[in-house]
Protein backbone atom coordinates (compact mmCIF):
# COMPACT_ATOMS: atom_id res chain seq x y z
CA MET A 1 11.23 -11.40 -38.13
CA LYS A 2 14.21 -11.20 -40.44
CA ARG A 3 14.73 -13.83 -43.10
CA TYR A 4 18.32 -14.98 -43.49
CA ILE A 5 20.01 -15.30 -46.82
CA THR A 6 20.43 -18.88 -47.94
CA VAL A 7 24.19 -19.37 -47.94
CA VAL A 8 25.52 -20.54 -51.28
CA PHE A 9 28.86 -22.27 -50.93
CA LEU A 10 31.09 -21.25 -53.80
CA VAL A 11 32.05 -24.07 -56.12
CA LEU A 12 34.54 -23.09 -58.79
CA GLY A 13 33.43 -24.23 -62.21
CA ALA A 14 30.02 -25.34 -61.00
CA PHE A 15 28.68 -25.33 -64.53
CA THR A 16 31.01 -27.17 -66.86
CA PHE A 17 31.06 -27.63 -70.61
CA SER A 18 29.52 -30.59 -72.33
CA PHE A 19 30.56 -30.72 -75.93
CA GLY A 20 27.52 -31.69 -77.85
CA GLN A 21 25.69 -29.38 -80.23
CA SER A 22 25.34 -25.94 -78.66
CA SER A 23 22.42 -23.63 -79.35
CA SER A 24 23.20 -20.15 -80.55
CA SER A 25 21.65 -17.17 -78.83
CA PRO A 26 21.33 -13.56 -80.04
CA GLN A 27 24.14 -11.23 -79.06
CA LEU A 28 23.20 -8.94 -76.18
CA VAL A 29 24.57 -5.52 -75.52
CA ASP A 30 26.34 -5.75 -72.17
CA ARG A 31 24.70 -4.00 -69.24
CA ILE A 32 24.87 -3.82 -65.45
CA ILE A 33 22.40 -6.23 -63.86
CA ALA A 34 23.42 -5.68 -60.24
CA THR A 35 25.52 -3.33 -58.15
CA VAL A 36 27.21 -4.57 -54.97
CA GLY A 37 28.98 -1.77 -53.11
CA THR A 38 31.43 -0.40 -55.65
CA SER A 39 31.37 -3.49 -57.88
CA PHE A 40 29.14 -4.45 -60.77
CA ILE A 41 27.71 -7.70 -62.08
CA LEU A 42 27.37 -7.59 -65.85
CA GLN A 43 24.94 -9.32 -68.17
CA SER A 44 27.98 -10.95 -69.81
CA ASP A 45 28.93 -12.53 -66.46
CA LEU A 46 25.51 -14.11 -66.21
CA GLU A 47 25.44 -15.17 -69.86
CA MET A 48 28.83 -16.87 -69.62
CA GLU A 49 27.65 -19.02 -66.71
CA TYR A 50 24.23 -19.67 -68.24
CA THR A 51 25.73 -20.70 -71.58
CA GLN A 52 27.83 -23.29 -69.78
CA TYR A 53 24.70 -24.56 -68.03
CA LEU A 54 22.91 -24.97 -71.38
CA ALA A 55 25.98 -26.54 -72.96
CA SER A 56 25.79 -29.28 -70.32
CA GLY A 57 22.57 -30.46 -71.96
CA ASN A 58 20.18 -28.84 -69.49
CA ALA A 59 16.86 -27.33 -70.50
CA PRO A 60 16.46 -23.52 -70.48
CA SER A 61 15.37 -22.26 -67.07
CA GLU A 62 14.78 -18.75 -65.81
CA GLN A 63 15.08 -20.15 -62.27
CA VAL A 64 18.67 -21.17 -62.98
CA LYS A 65 19.46 -17.61 -64.02
CA CYS A 66 18.22 -16.51 -60.61
CA TYR A 67 20.51 -19.02 -58.95
CA ILE A 68 23.51 -17.83 -61.00
CA VAL A 69 22.88 -14.20 -60.07
CA GLN A 70 22.69 -15.25 -56.42
CA GLN A 71 26.06 -17.01 -56.79
CA LEU A 72 27.56 -13.87 -58.33
CA LEU A 73 26.19 -11.67 -55.55
CA THR A 74 27.64 -14.03 -52.95
CA SER A 75 31.03 -13.95 -54.67
CA LYS A 76 31.05 -10.15 -54.79
CA LEU A 77 30.35 -9.75 -51.07
CA LEU A 78 33.03 -12.25 -50.12
CA SER A 79 35.66 -10.84 -52.46
CA GLN A 80 35.01 -7.28 -51.23
CA GLN A 81 35.55 -8.40 -47.64
CA ALA A 82 38.66 -10.26 -48.78
CA ALA A 83 40.03 -6.98 -50.12
CA ILE A 84 39.32 -5.26 -46.78
CA ASP A 85 41.08 -8.09 -44.92
CA SER A 86 44.02 -8.02 -47.39
CA ILE A 87 43.36 -11.57 -48.56
CA GLU A 88 45.15 -12.15 -51.84
CA VAL A 89 45.58 -14.93 -54.35
CA SER A 90 48.78 -15.34 -56.31
CA GLU A 91 49.07 -15.42 -60.07
CA ASN A 92 50.30 -18.98 -59.69
CA GLU A 93 47.10 -19.97 -57.84
CA ILE A 94 45.00 -18.39 -60.58
CA ASP A 95 47.06 -20.07 -63.31
CA ASP A 96 46.79 -23.45 -61.60
CA ASN A 97 43.02 -23.14 -61.30
CA LEU A 98 42.67 -22.02 -64.92
CA ASN A 99 44.92 -24.85 -66.12
CA GLN A 100 42.88 -27.36 -64.16
CA ARG A 101 39.66 -26.07 -65.70
CA ILE A 102 41.10 -26.13 -69.18
CA ARG A 103 42.34 -29.71 -68.73
CA VAL A 104 38.83 -30.85 -67.81
CA MET A 105 37.32 -28.90 -70.70
CA ILE A 106 39.79 -30.38 -73.20
CA GLN A 107 38.95 -33.86 -71.93
CA ARG A 108 35.22 -33.30 -72.32
CA ALA A 109 35.71 -31.70 -75.72
CA GLY A 110 37.80 -34.57 -77.03
CA GLY A 111 40.88 -32.47 -77.73
CA ARG A 112 42.24 -28.92 -77.87
CA GLU A 113 41.04 -28.27 -81.42
CA ARG A 114 37.45 -29.27 -80.65
CA LEU A 115 37.47 -27.10 -77.54
CA GLU A 116 38.69 -24.05 -79.47
CA GLU A 117 36.07 -24.72 -82.14
CA PHE A 118 33.36 -24.85 -79.49
CA LEU A 119 34.60 -21.68 -77.78
CA ASN A 120 35.10 -19.91 -81.12
CA ARG A 121 38.37 -18.55 -79.74
CA SER A 122 41.79 -19.81 -78.74
CA ILE A 123 42.28 -21.45 -75.35
CA LEU A 124 44.69 -18.65 -74.44
CA GLN A 125 42.02 -16.02 -75.17
CA HIS A 126 39.43 -17.91 -73.15
CA LYS A 127 41.77 -18.27 -70.18
CA GLU A 128 42.40 -14.52 -70.15
CA GLU A 129 38.64 -13.84 -70.28
CA MET A 130 38.10 -16.18 -67.35
CA ARG A 131 40.98 -14.81 -65.28
CA PRO A 132 39.20 -11.89 -63.50
CA MET A 133 36.23 -14.04 -62.45
CA VAL A 134 38.45 -16.90 -61.31
CA ALA A 135 40.59 -14.49 -59.26
CA GLU A 136 37.47 -13.11 -57.59
CA GLN A 137 36.09 -16.56 -56.85
CA LEU A 138 39.38 -17.72 -55.35
CA LYS A 139 39.50 -14.66 -53.08
CA GLY A 140 35.89 -15.27 -52.07
CA ASN A 141 36.62 -18.90 -51.26
CA LYS A 142 39.60 -17.91 -49.12
CA MET A 143 37.45 -15.37 -47.30
CA GLN A 144 34.73 -17.95 -46.65
CA GLN A 145 37.29 -20.47 -45.38
CA GLN A 146 38.69 -17.85 -43.01
CA LEU A 147 35.22 -17.11 -41.64
CA VAL A 148 34.63 -20.73 -40.64
CA SER A 149 38.15 -22.10 -40.09
CA ASN A 150 38.01 -21.96 -36.28
CA ILE A 151 34.43 -23.11 -35.80
CA ASP A 152 34.01 -26.13 -33.55
CA VAL A 153 31.30 -27.44 -31.22
CA THR A 154 31.40 -28.47 -27.57
CA PRO A 155 29.84 -31.72 -26.31
CA GLN A 156 27.00 -29.66 -24.81
CA GLU A 157 26.36 -27.99 -28.18
CA VAL A 158 26.23 -31.42 -29.81
CA LYS A 159 23.70 -32.58 -27.20
CA ASN A 160 21.59 -29.44 -27.64
CA TYR A 161 21.64 -29.85 -31.43
CA PHE A 162 20.56 -33.48 -31.21
CA GLU A 163 17.79 -32.79 -28.71
CA GLY A 164 16.48 -30.04 -30.98
CA LEU A 165 15.95 -32.45 -33.87
CA ASN A 166 12.54 -33.87 -34.64
CA ALA A 167 12.52 -37.38 -33.18
CA ASP A 168 10.39 -38.64 -36.08
CA SER A 169 12.94 -37.45 -38.67
CA LEU A 170 16.11 -38.85 -37.13
CA PRO A 171 18.20 -40.75 -39.70
CA TYR A 172 18.33 -44.53 -39.71
CA PHE A 173 21.86 -45.91 -40.03
CA ASP A 174 22.74 -49.12 -41.83
CA THR A 175 25.06 -51.73 -40.32
CA GLU A 176 28.45 -50.21 -39.45
CA ILE A 177 31.74 -51.91 -38.71
CA GLU A 178 35.16 -51.09 -37.29
CA TYR A 179 37.93 -52.97 -39.04
CA SER A 180 41.64 -53.01 -39.84
CA GLN A 181 43.54 -54.25 -42.86
CA LEU A 182 46.99 -55.56 -43.71
CA VAL A 183 48.01 -55.11 -47.35
CA LEU A 184 50.95 -56.73 -49.16
CA LYS A 185 52.07 -55.63 -52.63
CA PRO A 186 53.82 -58.17 -54.88
CA ILE A 187 57.55 -57.43 -55.17
CA LEU A 188 59.17 -58.25 -58.50
CA THR A 189 62.81 -59.20 -58.98
CA LYS A 190 65.02 -57.08 -61.23
CA GLU A 191 64.74 -59.75 -63.93
CA GLU A 192 60.92 -59.77 -63.69
CA LYS A 193 60.76 -55.97 -64.04
CA GLU A 194 63.02 -55.86 -67.08
CA GLN A 195 60.17 -56.42 -69.57
CA PHE A 196 58.43 -53.27 -68.37
CA ARG A 197 61.62 -51.21 -68.49
CA GLN A 198 62.23 -52.39 -72.06
CA LYS A 199 58.71 -51.34 -73.03
CA ALA A 200 59.35 -47.83 -71.69
CA GLU A 201 62.70 -47.73 -73.50
CA GLY A 202 60.90 -48.63 -76.72
CA TYR A 203 58.45 -45.74 -76.38
CA ARG A 204 61.31 -43.36 -75.60
CA LYS A 205 63.18 -44.54 -78.70
CA GLN A 206 60.13 -43.73 -80.83
CA VAL A 207 60.05 -40.19 -79.42
CA MET A 208 63.79 -39.69 -79.88
CA ASN A 209 63.44 -40.87 -83.50
CA GLY A 210 60.88 -38.16 -84.23
CA SER A 211 57.48 -39.47 -83.11
CA ASP A 212 55.29 -36.89 -81.37
CA PHE A 213 55.63 -37.19 -77.58
CA GLY A 214 51.97 -36.29 -76.99
CA THR A 215 50.73 -38.89 -79.46
CA ILE A 216 52.85 -41.67 -77.91
CA ALA A 217 51.58 -40.63 -74.45
CA ARG A 218 47.94 -40.73 -75.55
CA LEU A 219 48.41 -44.16 -77.13
CA TYR A 220 50.55 -45.93 -74.56
CA SER A 221 51.00 -44.08 -71.26
CA GLU A 222 49.31 -45.73 -68.28
CA ASP A 223 49.03 -42.49 -66.27
CA GLY A 224 45.93 -40.33 -65.81
CA SER A 225 47.63 -37.59 -67.83
CA ALA A 226 47.59 -39.74 -70.99
CA PRO A 227 44.47 -38.07 -72.53
CA PHE A 228 46.32 -34.74 -72.27
CA GLY A 229 49.38 -35.98 -74.09
CA GLY A 230 51.11 -36.67 -70.78
CA GLU A 231 51.06 -32.98 -69.80
CA MET A 232 50.92 -32.06 -66.11
CA ASP A 233 50.29 -28.72 -64.41
CA TYR A 234 53.12 -26.51 -63.14
CA ALA A 235 54.44 -28.01 -59.92
CA THR A 236 57.10 -27.44 -57.28
CA ARG A 237 59.82 -29.92 -56.37
CA ASP A 238 57.87 -31.39 -53.44
CA THR A 239 54.78 -32.14 -55.55
CA TRP A 240 56.11 -35.40 -56.98
CA VAL A 241 58.02 -38.39 -55.63
CA LYS A 242 61.74 -37.67 -55.31
CA GLU A 243 62.85 -39.72 -58.35
CA PHE A 244 60.43 -37.85 -60.61
CA SER A 245 61.37 -34.43 -59.23
CA ALA A 246 65.07 -35.20 -59.59
CA GLN A 247 64.63 -35.67 -63.35
CA ALA A 248 62.16 -32.79 -63.82
CA PHE A 249 64.33 -30.20 -62.10
CA LYS A 250 67.73 -31.07 -63.55
CA LEU A 251 66.75 -30.96 -67.24
CA LYS A 252 66.65 -27.91 -69.46
CA GLU A 253 63.53 -26.84 -71.31
CA GLY A 254 62.85 -29.26 -74.17
CA GLU A 255 65.16 -32.00 -72.88
CA ILE A 256 63.94 -35.58 -72.50
CA SER A 257 65.01 -37.68 -69.52
CA PRO A 258 66.27 -41.26 -69.62
CA VAL A 259 63.88 -43.98 -68.44
CA PHE A 260 63.74 -44.04 -64.62
CA GLU A 261 61.82 -45.96 -61.98
CA THR A 262 59.44 -44.75 -59.25
CA GLN A 263 56.95 -46.55 -57.04
CA PHE A 264 54.44 -46.18 -59.90
CA GLY A 265 56.54 -47.83 -62.61
CA TYR A 266 58.95 -46.74 -65.35
CA HIS A 267 58.76 -43.19 -66.69
CA PHE A 268 60.48 -40.78 -68.99
CA LEU A 269 59.61 -37.09 -69.17
CA GLN A 270 60.17 -33.90 -71.11
CA VAL A 271 60.46 -30.45 -69.56
CA LEU A 272 58.08 -28.03 -71.30
CA ASP A 273 58.54 -24.82 -69.32
CA ARG A 274 60.00 -23.32 -66.15
CA ARG A 275 58.40 -20.64 -64.00
CA GLY A 276 60.45 -19.63 -60.98
CA GLU A 277 60.50 -22.62 -58.62
CA GLU A 278 57.94 -24.48 -60.72
CA VAL A 279 58.30 -26.68 -63.77
CA LYS A 280 55.81 -27.98 -66.34
CA VAL A 281 56.45 -31.43 -67.80
CA ARG A 282 54.85 -34.18 -69.81
CA HIS A 283 55.64 -37.83 -69.23
CA ILE A 284 54.92 -41.41 -70.20
CA LEU A 285 54.40 -44.15 -67.61
CA VAL A 286 54.63 -47.91 -67.97
CA ARG A 287 53.22 -49.57 -64.86
CA ILE A 288 54.93 -52.63 -63.40
CA LYS A 289 52.40 -55.46 -63.22
CA PRO A 290 52.84 -58.48 -60.96
CA THR A 291 54.06 -61.74 -62.45
CA GLN A 292 52.61 -65.08 -61.44
CA ALA A 293 55.80 -65.89 -59.54
CA SER A 294 55.63 -62.62 -57.57
CA LEU A 295 51.99 -63.29 -56.68
CA GLU A 296 52.86 -66.75 -55.41
CA ARG A 297 55.66 -65.35 -53.23
CA THR A 298 53.32 -62.71 -51.80
CA LYS A 299 50.64 -65.32 -51.07
CA LEU A 300 53.13 -67.42 -49.10
CA ARG A 301 54.22 -64.33 -47.13
CA ILE A 302 50.70 -63.21 -46.18
CA ASP A 303 49.75 -66.79 -45.25
CA SER A 304 52.73 -66.85 -42.90
CA ILE A 305 51.70 -63.54 -41.27
CA ALA A 306 48.08 -64.74 -40.94
CA ASN A 307 49.26 -67.93 -39.24
CA ARG A 308 51.39 -65.97 -36.75
CA ILE A 309 48.33 -63.83 -35.91
CA ALA A 310 46.12 -66.93 -35.53
CA GLU A 311 48.70 -68.52 -33.23
CA LYS A 312 48.75 -65.29 -31.17
CA LYS A 313 52.47 -64.82 -31.76
CA ILE A 314 51.66 -61.26 -32.87
CA ASN A 315 48.46 -59.20 -32.75
CA PHE A 316 46.87 -57.86 -35.92
CA ASN A 317 47.56 -54.16 -35.36
CA THR A 318 51.24 -54.75 -34.64
CA ALA A 319 51.52 -56.94 -37.74
CA ALA A 320 49.89 -54.23 -39.86
CA SER A 321 52.31 -51.62 -38.50
CA LEU A 322 55.31 -53.85 -39.25
CA TYR A 323 54.40 -55.46 -42.56
CA SER A 324 51.56 -53.63 -44.35
CA ASP A 325 52.38 -51.80 -47.59
CA ASP A 326 49.35 -49.47 -47.29
CA ASN A 327 50.72 -46.12 -46.14
CA ASN A 328 47.21 -44.81 -45.43
CA THR A 329 46.61 -47.30 -42.62
CA LYS A 330 49.87 -48.96 -41.49
CA TYR A 331 50.91 -46.07 -39.25
CA ASN A 332 47.76 -46.47 -37.12
CA GLY A 333 47.90 -50.24 -36.93
CA GLY A 334 45.90 -50.87 -40.08
CA VAL A 335 42.74 -49.16 -38.78
CA VAL A 336 40.49 -47.94 -41.61
CA THR A 337 38.81 -44.57 -41.01
CA ASN A 338 35.68 -42.98 -42.45
CA MET A 339 36.80 -40.21 -44.82
CA GLU A 340 33.61 -38.23 -44.17
CA ASP A 341 33.86 -37.75 -40.41
CA ARG A 342 37.27 -39.34 -39.62
CA SER A 343 35.62 -41.84 -37.27
CA THR A 344 36.44 -45.55 -37.29
CA LEU A 345 32.84 -46.57 -38.03
CA ILE A 346 32.35 -47.58 -41.68
CA PRO A 347 28.87 -48.25 -43.14
CA VAL A 348 28.96 -51.64 -44.87
CA SER A 349 27.32 -49.97 -47.87
CA GLN A 350 30.49 -47.89 -48.28
CA LEU A 351 32.96 -50.77 -48.36
CA GLU A 352 35.19 -50.22 -51.37
CA ASP A 353 34.42 -53.51 -53.12
CA VAL A 354 32.16 -56.55 -52.86
CA SER A 355 35.26 -58.70 -52.27
CA VAL A 356 35.98 -56.72 -49.10
CA PHE A 357 32.38 -57.22 -47.91
CA ASN A 358 32.56 -60.95 -48.66
CA ALA A 359 35.78 -61.27 -46.66
CA ILE A 360 34.51 -59.36 -43.62
CA ASP A 361 30.82 -60.30 -43.49
CA PRO A 362 31.29 -63.84 -42.11
CA LEU A 363 33.60 -62.63 -39.33
CA GLN A 364 32.67 -62.23 -35.70
CA PRO A 365 34.29 -59.34 -33.76
CA GLY A 366 37.87 -60.29 -32.95
CA GLU A 367 38.30 -62.61 -35.95
CA VAL A 368 40.69 -62.30 -38.91
CA SER A 369 39.73 -63.06 -42.50
CA LYS A 370 41.44 -65.42 -44.88
CA PRO A 371 43.83 -63.70 -47.36
CA ILE A 372 42.16 -62.38 -50.50
CA LEU A 373 43.56 -61.18 -53.82
CA TYR A 374 42.34 -57.62 -54.35
CA THR A 375 42.41 -55.49 -57.52
CA GLU A 376 42.28 -51.70 -57.09
CA LYS A 377 39.61 -49.96 -59.13
CA GLY A 378 41.05 -47.46 -61.57
CA SER A 379 44.76 -48.27 -61.26
CA GLY A 380 44.36 -52.04 -61.54
CA ASP A 381 47.05 -52.57 -58.87
CA VAL A 382 46.91 -56.05 -57.34
CA THR A 383 47.50 -56.75 -53.64
CA TYR A 384 46.91 -59.48 -51.08
CA ARG A 385 44.93 -58.49 -47.98
CA ILE A 386 43.69 -59.78 -44.67
CA TYR A 387 41.09 -58.04 -42.48
CA TYR A 388 40.41 -57.86 -38.75
CA LEU A 389 36.88 -57.11 -37.55
CA LYS A 390 36.87 -55.13 -34.30
CA SER A 391 33.11 -54.47 -33.93
CA ARG A 392 29.79 -54.56 -35.77
CA ILE A 393 26.90 -52.21 -34.96
CA PRO A 394 23.50 -53.39 -36.28
CA PRO A 395 21.08 -51.05 -38.10
CA HIS A 396 19.64 -48.42 -35.76
CA LYS A 397 18.08 -44.98 -35.46
CA ALA A 398 20.58 -42.21 -34.70
CA ASN A 399 21.50 -41.80 -31.04
CA LEU A 400 24.21 -39.94 -29.13
CA ASP A 401 25.85 -43.03 -27.66
CA GLN A 402 26.57 -44.80 -30.93
CA ASP A 403 26.68 -41.90 -33.38
CA PHE A 404 28.34 -39.05 -31.51
CA ALA A 405 30.97 -38.40 -34.21
CA LYS A 406 28.33 -38.11 -36.96
CA ILE A 407 26.05 -35.91 -34.86
CA LYS A 408 29.01 -33.72 -33.88
CA GLU A 409 29.88 -33.13 -37.54
CA ALA A 410 26.22 -32.34 -38.36
CA ALA A 411 26.14 -29.89 -35.44
CA ARG A 412 29.36 -28.27 -36.63
CA GLN A 413 28.01 -27.88 -40.17
CA ASP A 414 24.82 -26.37 -38.76
CA LYS A 415 26.92 -23.87 -36.77
CA ILE A 416 28.94 -23.05 -39.90
CA ASN A 417 25.78 -22.44 -41.92
CA ARG A 418 24.31 -20.19 -39.21
CA THR A 419 27.58 -18.25 -38.91
CA LEU A 420 27.78 -17.68 -42.66
CA SER A 421 24.10 -16.80 -42.90
CA GLU A 422 24.46 -14.20 -40.15
CA TRP A 423 27.62 -12.83 -41.79
CA PHE A 424 25.85 -12.45 -45.14
CA GLU A 425 22.83 -10.86 -43.50
CA SER A 426 25.07 -8.32 -41.75
CA ARG A 427 26.93 -7.48 -44.97
CA ARG A 428 23.71 -7.33 -46.96
CA GLU A 429 22.31 -4.75 -44.56
CA SER A 430 25.45 -2.60 -44.59
CA THR A 431 26.23 -2.81 -48.32
CA TYR A 432 24.53 -0.91 -51.10
CA ILE A 433 22.92 -3.55 -53.34
CA ASP A 434 20.83 -2.72 -56.36
CA ILE A 435 19.39 -5.37 -58.69
CA ASN A 436 17.95 -4.71 -62.13
CA PRO A 437 14.13 -4.87 -61.98
CA ASP A 438 14.19 -7.64 -64.59
CA PHE A 439 15.43 -9.98 -61.86
CA LEU A 440 13.23 -8.93 -58.96
CA SER A 441 10.77 -11.67 -59.85
CA CYS A 442 13.35 -14.14 -58.49
CA GLY A 443 12.15 -15.00 -55.01
CA GLU A 444 15.63 -15.79 -53.72
CA LEU A 445 16.94 -12.39 -54.85
CA LYS A 446 14.40 -10.26 -53.00
CA ILE A 447 16.37 -10.58 -49.77
CA TRP A 448 19.39 -9.04 -51.54
CA THR A 449 17.68 -5.73 -52.26
CA SER A 450 18.36 -2.58 -50.24
CA GLN A 451 15.26 -3.13 -48.07
CA LYS A 452 16.52 -3.67 -44.52
CA ASP A 453 13.71 -5.76 -43.11
CA ILE A 454 11.70 -8.23 -45.10
CA ALA A 455 9.17 -10.30 -43.26
CA ALA A 456 9.50 -14.02 -43.48
CA ASP A 457 6.94 -15.81 -45.57
């Protein structure tokens, strides 16, 4: 009986830097540790990944080295097939991935200087060293996505998968609900917003008078880019909202925009570089926060909508479509969907906040909650909300009637895993693979050797 290779899904940057004290290791003379077809895996490839693992605060582990080599072997097979199938990645895709990695590393390091000190080289040098491996990983990921992109399962396959499961090990699902929401955002008058515009104008004046843009962004910007001095990755015109793009694409390199408004607040930006149809900018954001008067107006409005629903002058889903400010749900009548399987069943344990649970829990199916004031985690945005409970399913063991969507997704993932495993087994058998004897003690690597048939344990 043949033993299939355990499929390792490629995750770019799986081992990331943690910037505490790093342990030094003796310099090794580079060598080939594995050959895959016409490609080589070098000791330096392994050491770069393993150093990042150790830098994350993990204890030394020979087993982890085995896992890394397995990842590298997987990447080589996929990237070689990508070359055969003419799958390419653009320089822009590679640059974007590298820039994203560097941004995370700078954040964890506590700044560019600390990162370069840790790396013992400039960021530019490190990016160029990473480029070949990142390009190969991106090609491998594209190849893997192509292999599984059209995989789906029929209802009969779902039934067969479920019936093949051990009845004693079926999962037990917590209470699940189907619900809809109607969200209203406070709307400020021009006079109420003026204080926030003036604050942004003040920051811009500091920059125009000689203060460092990046420093002002780190100190005062209310955007997620603030720790990076307001810098954002290269982007095309359709990446941002239209008001932001209009400013970014009309300025010359080095120019600073006037203060302008978007749905997120008041901004001003500086163009740092242009690359074809892409531009790199940094910006400062002042968010517009609701005033007490705007909250009171919004409360009156949502009370009025709730009363119309209670009096059956309008049903909840129609009201959500007409009045809700939540673009993620208003176009389907306010219905909230499960992001994992796209079904409408939401485990109560996954409700976004205890305030949402407290509003919905007392409801019977068909009832609408009282309006609540809700504060978004992270952004701090404040909204008023009402909820409609469509159904509640009590805790139960998995079954096809109630959990078809979940079981279908599990069956699809199982089919994907089997497809990839069979693909790797086929390529393993037809590809010359040689692994340095130093690594043959790794149990998971034995299947990768040139032996064609290895009995299952």
